[in-house]
Amino acid sequence: MALRGFVFGAALLVAGVLPAAADSVTSTVTSWNPGSRTLVLGDMSQFQDISEDVFVPEDLAAGQTVTVTFEGAEDGVDAILAIEVQP
């Protein structure tokens, strides 16, 4: 019985140490403003002040389909991890 409790406790500890899973959204680009680094998608999702560390293709344009991977927060987006243009 004690061993079962130890294994359960260890599993909870490991689960707490692992990073949270990233969220993503796939949609069509409505607009991309490279100056303010703001991306607006067809579902009206808006990602503002995208970090310079996140690669955004120079030729990103309205009508293209992208997948935006991000870390979600209770009140929105914590960090954008990647923007990938879909074929």
PDB file of N, CA and C in Angstrom:
ATOM      1  N   MET A   1       0.823  -1.190   0.000  1.00  0.00           N
ATOM      2  CA  MET A   1       0.000   0.000   0.000  1.00  0.00           C
ATOM      3  C   MET A   1       0.873   1.263   0.000  1.00  0.00           C
ATOM      4  N   ALA A   2       1.950   1.229   0.799  1.00  0.00           N
ATOM      5  CA  ALA A   2       2.838   2.389   0.856  1.00  0.00           C
ATOM      6  C   ALA A   2       3.528   2.607  -0.487  1.00  0.00           C
ATOM      7  N   LEU A   3       3.868   1.502  -1.157  1.00  0.00           N
ATOM      8  CA  LEU A   3       4.521   1.614  -2.454  1.00  0.00           C
ATOM      9  C   LEU A   3       3.592   2.267  -3.474  1.00  0.00           C
ATOM     10  N   ARG A   4       2.313   1.917  -3.438  1.00  0.00           N
ATOM     11  CA  ARG A   4       1.338   2.512  -4.352  1.00  0.00           C
ATOM     12  C   ARG A   4       1.241   4.025  -4.122  1.00  0.00           C
ATOM     13  N   GLY A   5       1.235   4.439  -2.875  1.00  0.00           N
ATOM     14  CA  GLY A   5       1.198   5.867  -2.553  1.00  0.00           C
ATOM     15  C   GLY A   5       2.447   6.587  -3.032  1.00  0.00           C
ATOM     16  N   PHE A   6       3.605   5.919  -2.895  1.00  0.00           N
ATOM     17  CA  PHE A   6       4.853   6.511  -3.356  1.00  0.00           C
ATOM     18  C   PHE A   6       4.842   6.688  -4.875  1.00  0.00           C
ATOM     19  N   VAL A   7       4.404   5.669  -5.599  1.00  0.00           N
ATOM     20  CA  VAL A   7       4.361   5.728  -7.064  1.00  0.00           C
ATOM     21  C   VAL A   7       3.396   6.816  -7.509  1.00  0.00           C
ATOM     22  N   PHE A   8       2.234   6.901  -6.877  1.00  0.00           N
ATOM     23  CA  PHE A   8       1.255   7.939  -7.215  1.00  0.00           C
ATOM     24  C   PHE A   8       1.834   9.324  -6.962  1.00  0.00           C
ATOM     25  N   GLY A   9       2.491   9.520  -5.833  1.00  0.00           N
ATOM     26  CA  GLY A   9       3.110  10.806  -5.508  1.00  0.00           C
ATOM     27  C   GLY A   9       4.208  11.171  -6.490  1.00  0.00           C
ATOM     28  N   ALA A  10       5.017  10.185  -6.888  1.00  0.00           N
ATOM     29  CA  ALA A  10       6.082  10.433  -7.855  1.00  0.00           C
ATOM     30  C   ALA A  10       5.490  10.815  -9.213  1.00  0.00           C
ATOM     31  N   ALA A  11       4.398  10.157  -9.595  1.00  0.00           N
ATOM     32  CA  ALA A  11       3.757  10.483 -10.866  1.00  0.00           C
ATOM     33  C   ALA A  11       3.227  11.909 -10.859  1.00  0.00           C
ATOM     34  N   LEU A  12       2.652  12.330  -9.764  1.00  0.00           N
ATOM     35  CA  LEU A  12       2.166  13.709  -9.661  1.00  0.00           C
ATOM     36  C   LEU A  12       3.312  14.704  -9.729  1.00  0.00           C
ATOM     37  N   LEU A  13       4.410  14.378  -9.092  1.00  0.00           N
ATOM     38  CA  LEU A  13       5.572  15.262  -9.116  1.00  0.00           C
ATOM     39  C   LEU A  13       6.102  15.405 -10.536  1.00  0.00           C
ATOM     40  N   VAL A  14       6.237  14.306 -11.256  1.00  0.00           N
ATOM     41  CA  VAL A  14       6.717  14.353 -12.631  1.00  0.00           C
ATOM     42  C   VAL A  14       5.756  15.146 -13.507  1.00  0.00           C
ATOM     43  N   ALA A  15       4.460  14.956 -13.325  1.00  0.00           N
ATOM     44  CA  ALA A  15       3.475  15.693 -14.122  1.00  0.00           C
ATOM     45  C   ALA A  15       3.577  17.193 -13.870  1.00  0.00           C
ATOM     46  N   GLY A  16       3.892  17.584 -12.660  1.00  0.00           N
ATOM     47  CA  GLY A  16       4.031  18.998 -12.339  1.00  0.00           C
ATOM     48  C   GLY A  16       5.294  19.614 -12.891  1.00  0.00           C
ATOM     49  N   VAL A  17       6.311  18.802 -13.140  1.00  0.00           N
ATOM     50  CA  VAL A  17       7.585  19.296 -13.642  1.00  0.00           C
ATOM     51  C   VAL A  17       7.562  19.458 -15.154  1.00  0.00           C
ATOM     52  N   LEU A  18       6.773  18.656 -15.844  1.00  0.00           N
ATOM     53  CA  LEU A  18       6.719  18.727 -17.292  1.00  0.00           C
ATOM     54  C   LEU A  18       6.104  20.042 -17.739  1.00  0.00           C
ATOM     55  N   PRO A  19       6.592  20.615 -18.841  1.00  0.00           N
ATOM     56  CA  PRO A  19       6.023  21.872 -19.328  1.00  0.00           C
ATOM     57  C   PRO A  19       4.591  21.676 -19.814  1.00  0.00           C
ATOM     58  N   ALA A  20       3.825  22.727 -19.737  1.00  0.00           N
ATOM     59  CA  ALA A  20       2.446  22.675 -20.211  1.00  0.00           C
ATOM     60  C   ALA A  20       2.440  22.513 -21.727  1.00  0.00           C
ATOM     61  N   ALA A  21       1.447  21.825 -22.223  1.00  0.00           N
ATOM     62  CA  ALA A  21       1.337  21.619 -23.662  1.00  0.00           C
ATOM     63  C   ALA A  21       0.999  22.943 -24.344  1.00  0.00           C
ATOM     64  N   ALA A  22       1.577  23.135 -25.491  1.00  0.00           N
ATOM     65  CA  ALA A  22       1.317  24.357 -26.249  1.00  0.00           C
ATOM     66  C   ALA A  22      -0.027  24.243 -26.958  1.00  0.00           C
ATOM     67  N   ASP A  23      -0.654  25.374 -27.164  1.00  0.00           N
ATOM     68  CA  ASP A  23      -1.897  25.457 -27.920  1.00  0.00           C
ATOM     69  C   ASP A  23      -1.552  25.904 -29.330  1.00  0.00           C
ATOM     70  N   SER A  24      -2.482  25.699 -30.247  1.00  0.00           N
ATOM     71  CA  SER A  24      -2.259  26.192 -31.609  1.00  0.00           C
ATOM     72  C   SER A  24      -3.593  26.514 -32.258  1.00  0.00           C
ATOM     73  N   VAL A  25      -3.511  27.357 -33.272  1.00  0.00           N
ATOM     74  CA  VAL A  25      -4.675  27.721 -34.068  1.00  0.00           C
ATOM     75  C   VAL A  25      -4.226  27.743 -35.528  1.00  0.00           C
ATOM     76  N   THR A  26      -5.054  27.167 -36.404  1.00  0.00           N
ATOM     77  CA  THR A  26      -4.785  27.190 -37.839  1.00  0.00           C
ATOM     78  C   THR A  26      -5.902  27.972 -38.498  1.00  0.00           C
ATOM     79  N   SER A  27      -5.531  28.981 -39.268  1.00  0.00           N
ATOM     80  CA  SER A  27      -6.523  29.839 -39.915  1.00  0.00           C
ATOM     81  C   SER A  27      -5.869  30.581 -41.070  1.00  0.00           C
ATOM     82  N   THR A  28      -6.693  31.294 -41.815  1.00  0.00           N
ATOM     83  CA  THR A  28      -6.227  32.100 -42.941  1.00  0.00           C
ATOM     84  C   THR A  28      -5.798  33.476 -42.445  1.00  0.00           C
ATOM     85  N   VAL A  29      -4.718  33.977 -42.994  1.00  0.00           N
ATOM     86  CA  VAL A  29      -4.228  35.310 -42.641  1.00  0.00           C
ATOM     87  C   VAL A  29      -5.158  36.362 -43.231  1.00  0.00           C
ATOM     88  N   THR A  30      -5.651  37.261 -42.382  1.00  0.00           N
ATOM     89  CA  THR A  30      -6.419  38.413 -42.841  1.00  0.00           C
ATOM     90  C   THR A  30      -5.470  39.576 -43.105  1.00  0.00           C
ATOM     91  N   SER A  31      -4.536  39.783 -42.159  1.00  0.00           N
ATOM     92  CA  SER A  31      -3.535  40.833 -42.364  1.00  0.00           C
ATOM     93  C   SER A  31      -2.296  40.554 -41.526  1.00  0.00           C
ATOM     94  N   TRP A  32      -1.166  41.055 -42.014  1.00  0.00           N
ATOM     95  CA  TRP A  32       0.120  40.964 -41.310  1.00  0.00           C
ATOM     96  C   TRP A  32       0.786  42.318 -41.416  1.00  0.00           C
ATOM     97  N   ASN A  33       1.076  42.921 -40.261  1.00  0.00           N
ATOM     98  CA  ASN A  33       1.755  44.210 -40.213  1.00  0.00           C
ATOM     99  C   ASN A  33       3.151  43.980 -39.646  1.00  0.00           C
ATOM    100  N   PRO A  34       4.183  43.940 -40.525  1.00  0.00           N
ATOM    101  CA  PRO A  34       5.533  43.671 -40.023  1.00  0.00           C
ATOM    102  C   PRO A  34       6.082  44.773 -39.129  1.00  0.00           C
ATOM    103  N   GLY A  35       5.607  46.003 -39.288  1.00  0.00           N
ATOM    104  CA  GLY A  35       6.083  47.106 -38.452  1.00  0.00           C
ATOM    105  C   GLY A  35       5.702  46.923 -36.990  1.00  0.00           C
ATOM    106  N   SER A  36       4.447  46.591 -36.745  1.00  0.00           N
ATOM    107  CA  SER A  36       3.984  46.387 -35.366  1.00  0.00           C
ATOM    108  C   SER A  36       4.017  44.909 -34.995  1.00  0.00           C
ATOM    109  N   ARG A  37       4.384  44.050 -35.984  1.00  0.00           N
ATOM    110  CA  ARG A  37       4.415  42.598 -35.803  1.00  0.00           C
ATOM    111  C   ARG A  37       3.077  42.103 -35.242  1.00  0.00           C
ATOM    112  N   THR A  38       2.008  42.507 -35.941  1.00  0.00           N
ATOM    113  CA  THR A  38       0.650  42.118 -35.579  1.00  0.00           C
ATOM    114  C   THR A  38       0.066  41.244 -36.678  1.00  0.00           C
ATOM    115  N   LEU A  39      -0.454  40.089 -36.267  1.00  0.00           N
ATOM    116  CA  LEU A  39      -1.051  39.139 -37.189  1.00  0.00           C
ATOM    117  C   LEU A  39      -2.527  38.990 -36.847  1.00  0.00           C
ATOM    118  N   VAL A  40      -3.383  39.167 -37.856  1.00  0.00           N
ATOM    119  CA  VAL A  40      -4.831  38.995 -37.675  1.00  0.00           C
ATOM    120  C   VAL A  40      -5.250  37.834 -38.570  1.00  0.00           C
ATOM    121  N   LEU A  41      -5.996  36.901 -37.985  1.00  0.00           N
ATOM    122  CA  LEU A  41      -6.435  35.720 -38.716  1.00  0.00           C
ATOM    123  C   LEU A  41      -7.908  35.807 -39.068  1.00  0.00           C
ATOM    124  N   GLY A  42      -8.328  34.945 -39.964  1.00  0.00           N
ATOM    125  CA  GLY A  42      -9.702  34.937 -40.450  1.00  0.00           C
ATOM    126  C   GLY A  42     -10.742  34.692 -39.374  1.00  0.00           C
ATOM    127  N   ASP A  43     -10.358  34.016 -38.295  1.00  0.00           N
ATOM    128  CA  ASP A  43     -11.304  33.786 -37.196  1.00  0.00           C
ATOM    129  C   ASP A  43     -11.290  34.942 -36.197  1.00  0.00           C
ATOM    130  N   MET A  44     -10.637  36.042 -36.586  1.00  0.00           N
ATOM    131  CA  MET A  44     -10.490  37.278 -35.815  1.00  0.00           C
ATOM    132  C   MET A  44      -9.541  37.147 -34.620  1.00  0.00           C
ATOM    133  N   SER A  45      -8.764  36.049 -34.576  1.00  0.00           N
ATOM    134  CA  SER A  45      -7.687  35.963 -33.590  1.00  0.00           C
ATOM    135  C   SER A  45      -6.672  37.031 -33.951  1.00  0.00           C
ATOM    136  N   GLN A  46      -6.140  37.697 -32.941  1.00  0.00           N
ATOM    137  CA  GLN A  46      -5.171  38.757 -33.184  1.00  0.00           C
ATOM    138  C   GLN A  46      -3.973  38.541 -32.278  1.00  0.00           C
ATOM    139  N   PHE A  47      -2.798  38.479 -32.884  1.00  0.00           N
ATOM    140  CA  PHE A  47      -1.552  38.305 -32.141  1.00  0.00           C
ATOM    141  C   PHE A  47      -0.735  39.566 -32.342  1.00  0.00           C
ATOM    142  N   GLN A  48      -0.484  40.289 -31.252  1.00  0.00           N
ATOM    143  CA  GLN A  48       0.200  41.577 -31.322  1.00  0.00           C
ATOM    144  C   GLN A  48       1.591  41.491 -30.716  1.00  0.00           C
ATOM    145  N   ASP A  49       2.462  42.384 -31.163  1.00  0.00           N
ATOM    146  CA  ASP A  49       3.824  42.483 -30.631  1.00  0.00           C
ATOM    147  C   ASP A  49       4.529  41.132 -30.626  1.00  0.00           C
ATOM    148  N   ILE A  50       4.477  40.418 -31.745  1.00  0.00           N
ATOM    149  CA  ILE A  50       5.146  39.126 -31.853  1.00  0.00           C
ATOM    150  C   ILE A  50       6.645  39.360 -31.719  1.00  0.00           C
ATOM    151  N   SER A  51       7.264  38.603 -30.854  1.00  0.00           N
ATOM    152  CA  SER A  51       8.692  38.758 -30.569  1.00  0.00           C
ATOM    153  C   SER A  51       9.531  38.624 -31.833  1.00  0.00           C
ATOM    154  N   GLU A  52      10.623  39.363 -31.879  1.00  0.00           N
ATOM    155  CA  GLU A  52      11.564  39.275 -32.995  1.00  0.00           C
ATOM    156  C   GLU A  52      12.211  37.894 -33.048  1.00  0.00           C
ATOM    157  N   ASP A  53      12.185  37.159 -31.941  1.00  0.00           N
ATOM    158  CA  ASP A  53      12.759  35.819 -31.881  1.00  0.00           C
ATOM    159  C   ASP A  53      11.926  34.802 -32.651  1.00  0.00           C
ATOM    160  N   VAL A  54      10.663  35.127 -32.922  1.00  0.00           N
ATOM    161  CA  VAL A  54       9.766  34.223 -33.648  1.00  0.00           C
ATOM    162  C   VAL A  54       9.902  34.501 -35.140  1.00  0.00           C
ATOM    163  N   PHE A  55      10.267  33.470 -35.899  1.00  0.00           N
ATOM    164  CA  PHE A  55      10.435  33.630 -37.341  1.00  0.00           C
ATOM    165  C   PHE A  55       9.070  33.794 -38.009  1.00  0.00           C
ATOM    166  N   VAL A  56       8.950  34.866 -38.789  1.00  0.00           N
ATOM    167  CA  VAL A  56       7.755  35.104 -39.607  1.00  0.00           C
ATOM    168  C   VAL A  56       8.253  35.283 -41.040  1.00  0.00           C
ATOM    169  N   PRO A  57       7.760  34.467 -41.981  1.00  0.00           N
ATOM    170  CA  PRO A  57       8.229  34.593 -43.370  1.00  0.00           C
ATOM    171  C   PRO A  57       8.029  36.014 -43.898  1.00  0.00           C
ATOM    172  N   GLU A  58       9.035  36.518 -44.629  1.00  0.00           N
ATOM    173  CA  GLU A  58       8.960  37.873 -45.172  1.00  0.00           C
ATOM    174  C   GLU A  58       7.809  38.047 -46.141  1.00  0.00           C
ATOM    175  N   ASP A  59       7.446  36.976 -46.839  1.00  0.00           N
ATOM    176  CA  ASP A  59       6.392  37.072 -47.838  1.00  0.00           C
ATOM    177  C   ASP A  59       5.014  36.675 -47.303  1.00  0.00           C
ATOM    178  N   LEU A  60       4.849  36.665 -45.987  1.00  0.00           N
ATOM    179  CA  LEU A  60       3.551  36.331 -45.394  1.00  0.00           C
ATOM    180  C   LEU A  60       2.505  37.343 -45.874  1.00  0.00           C
ATOM    181  N   ALA A  61       1.390  36.821 -46.381  1.00  0.00           N
ATOM    182  CA  ALA A  61       0.388  37.702 -46.970  1.00  0.00           C
ATOM    183  C   ALA A  61      -1.021  37.199 -46.683  1.00  0.00           C
ATOM    184  N   ALA A  62      -1.976  38.109 -46.827  1.00  0.00           N
ATOM    185  CA  ALA A  62      -3.383  37.759 -46.651  1.00  0.00           C
ATOM    186  C   ALA A  62      -3.746  36.612 -47.590  1.00  0.00           C
ATOM    187  N   GLY A  63      -4.563  35.695 -47.085  1.00  0.00           N
ATOM    188  CA  GLY A  63      -5.015  34.564 -47.875  1.00  0.00           C
ATOM    189  C   GLY A  63      -4.241  33.287 -47.610  1.00  0.00           C
ATOM    190  N   GLN A  64      -3.035  33.409 -47.054  1.00  0.00           N
ATOM    191  CA  GLN A  64      -2.263  32.217 -46.743  1.00  0.00           C
ATOM    192  C   GLN A  64      -2.817  31.570 -45.474  1.00  0.00           C
ATOM    193  N   THR A  65      -2.649  30.261 -45.365  1.00  0.00           N
ATOM    194  CA  THR A  65      -3.065  29.542 -44.161  1.00  0.00           C
ATOM    195  C   THR A  65      -1.838  29.337 -43.279  1.00  0.00           C
ATOM    196  N   VAL A  66      -1.968  29.672 -42.000  1.00  0.00           N
ATOM    197  CA  VAL A  66      -0.868  29.525 -41.058  1.00  0.00           C
ATOM    198  C   VAL A  66      -1.334  28.766 -39.818  1.00  0.00           C
ATOM    199  N   THR A  67      -0.375  28.153 -39.151  1.00  0.00           N
ATOM    200  CA  THR A  67      -0.606  27.586 -37.824  1.00  0.00           C
ATOM    201  C   THR A  67       0.242  28.384 -36.855  1.00  0.00           C
ATOM    202  N   VAL A  68      -0.401  28.948 -35.845  1.00  0.00           N
ATOM    203  CA  VAL A  68       0.296  29.710 -34.814  1.00  0.00           C
ATOM    204  C   VAL A  68       0.307  28.838 -33.562  1.00  0.00           C
ATOM    205  N   THR A  69       1.502  28.545 -33.066  1.00  0.00           N
ATOM    206  CA  THR A  69       1.662  27.764 -31.848  1.00  0.00           C
ATOM    207  C   THR A  69       2.017  28.735 -30.727  1.00  0.00           C
ATOM    208  N   PHE A  70       1.307  28.598 -29.601  1.00  0.00           N
ATOM    209  CA  PHE A  70       1.491  29.559 -28.514  1.00  0.00           C
ATOM    210  C   PHE A  70       1.254  28.915 -27.165  1.00  0.00           C
ATOM    211  N   GLU A  71       1.728  29.599 -26.130  1.00  0.00           N
ATOM    212  CA  GLU A  71       1.431  29.208 -24.754  1.00  0.00           C
ATOM    213  C   GLU A  71       0.255  30.050 -24.309  1.00  0.00           C
ATOM    214  N   GLY A  72      -0.822  29.399 -23.958  1.00  0.00           N
ATOM    215  CA  GLY A  72      -2.013  30.111 -23.526  1.00  0.00           C
ATOM    216  C   GLY A  72      -1.923  30.538 -22.075  1.00  0.00           C
ATOM    217  N   ALA A  73      -2.677  31.552 -21.744  1.00  0.00           N
ATOM    218  CA  ALA A  73      -2.803  32.040 -20.381  1.00  0.00           C
ATOM    219  C   ALA A  73      -4.287  32.206 -20.093  1.00  0.00           C
ATOM    220  N   GLU A  74      -4.638  32.375 -18.847  1.00  0.00           N
ATOM    221  CA  GLU A  74      -6.047  32.538 -18.484  1.00  0.00           C
ATOM    222  C   GLU A  74      -6.678  33.730 -19.191  1.00  0.00           C
ATOM    223  N   ASP A  75      -5.897  34.772 -19.411  1.00  0.00           N
ATOM    224  CA  ASP A  75      -6.433  35.994 -20.012  1.00  0.00           C
ATOM    225  C   ASP A  75      -5.943  36.222 -21.440  1.00  0.00           C
ATOM    226  N   GLY A  76      -5.515  35.150 -22.122  1.00  0.00           N
ATOM    227  CA  GLY A  76      -5.093  35.309 -23.512  1.00  0.00           C
ATOM    228  C   GLY A  76      -3.890  34.465 -23.852  1.00  0.00           C
ATOM    229  N   VAL A  77      -2.890  35.094 -24.450  1.00  0.00           N
ATOM    230  CA  VAL A  77      -1.693  34.405 -24.917  1.00  0.00           C
ATOM    231  C   VAL A  77      -0.506  34.857 -24.089  1.00  0.00           C
ATOM    232  N   ASP A  78       0.238  33.878 -23.590  1.00  0.00           N
ATOM    233  CA  ASP A  78       1.429  34.170 -22.798  1.00  0.00           C
ATOM    234  C   ASP A  78       2.638  34.411 -23.705  1.00  0.00           C
ATOM    235  N   ALA A  79       2.827  33.526 -24.683  1.00  0.00           N
ATOM    236  CA  ALA A  79       3.965  33.656 -25.598  1.00  0.00           C
ATOM    237  C   ALA A  79       3.659  32.940 -26.902  1.00  0.00           C
ATOM    238  N   ILE A  80       4.098  33.519 -28.002  1.00  0.00           N
ATOM    239  CA  ILE A  80       3.972  32.878 -29.304  1.00  0.00           C
ATOM    240  C   ILE A  80       5.263  32.111 -29.539  1.00  0.00           C
ATOM    241  N   LEU A  81       5.124  30.833 -29.869  1.00  0.00           N
ATOM    242  CA  LEU A  81       6.274  29.971 -30.043  1.00  0.00           C
ATOM    243  C   LEU A  81       6.689  29.820 -31.500  1.00  0.00           C
ATOM    244  N   ALA A  82       5.712  29.781 -32.415  1.00  0.00           N
ATOM    245  CA  ALA A  82       6.037  29.582 -33.824  1.00  0.00           C
ATOM    246  C   ALA A  82       4.867  29.983 -34.713  1.00  0.00           C
ATOM    247  N   ILE A  83       5.222  30.391 -35.936  1.00  0.00           N
ATOM    248  CA  ILE A  83       4.231  30.664 -36.966  1.00  0.00           C
ATOM    249  C   ILE A  83       4.690  29.888 -38.193  1.00  0.00           C
ATOM    250  N   GLU A  84       3.821  28.982 -38.658  1.00  0.00           N
ATOM    251  CA  GLU A  84       4.186  28.113 -39.762  1.00  0.00           C
ATOM    252  C   GLU A  84       3.144  28.249 -40.883  1.00  0.00           C
ATOM    253  N   VAL A  85       3.629  28.557 -42.087  1.00  0.00           N
ATOM    254  CA  VAL A  85       2.753  28.655 -43.248  1.00  0.00           C
ATOM    255  C   VAL A  85       2.440  27.234 -43.709  1.00  0.00           C
ATOM    256  N   GLN A  86       1.156  26.963 -43.933  1.00  0.00           N
ATOM    257  CA  GLN A  86       0.708  25.653 -44.386  1.00  0.00           C
ATOM    258  C   GLN A  86       0.694  25.602 -45.914  1.00  0.00           C
ATOM    259  N   PRO A  87       0.999  24.427 -46.482  1.00  0.00           N
ATOM    260  CA  PRO A  87       1.003  24.311 -47.952  1.00  0.00           C
ATOM    261  C   PRO A  87      -0.386  24.439 -48.539  1.00  0.00           C
TER     262      PRO A  87
END
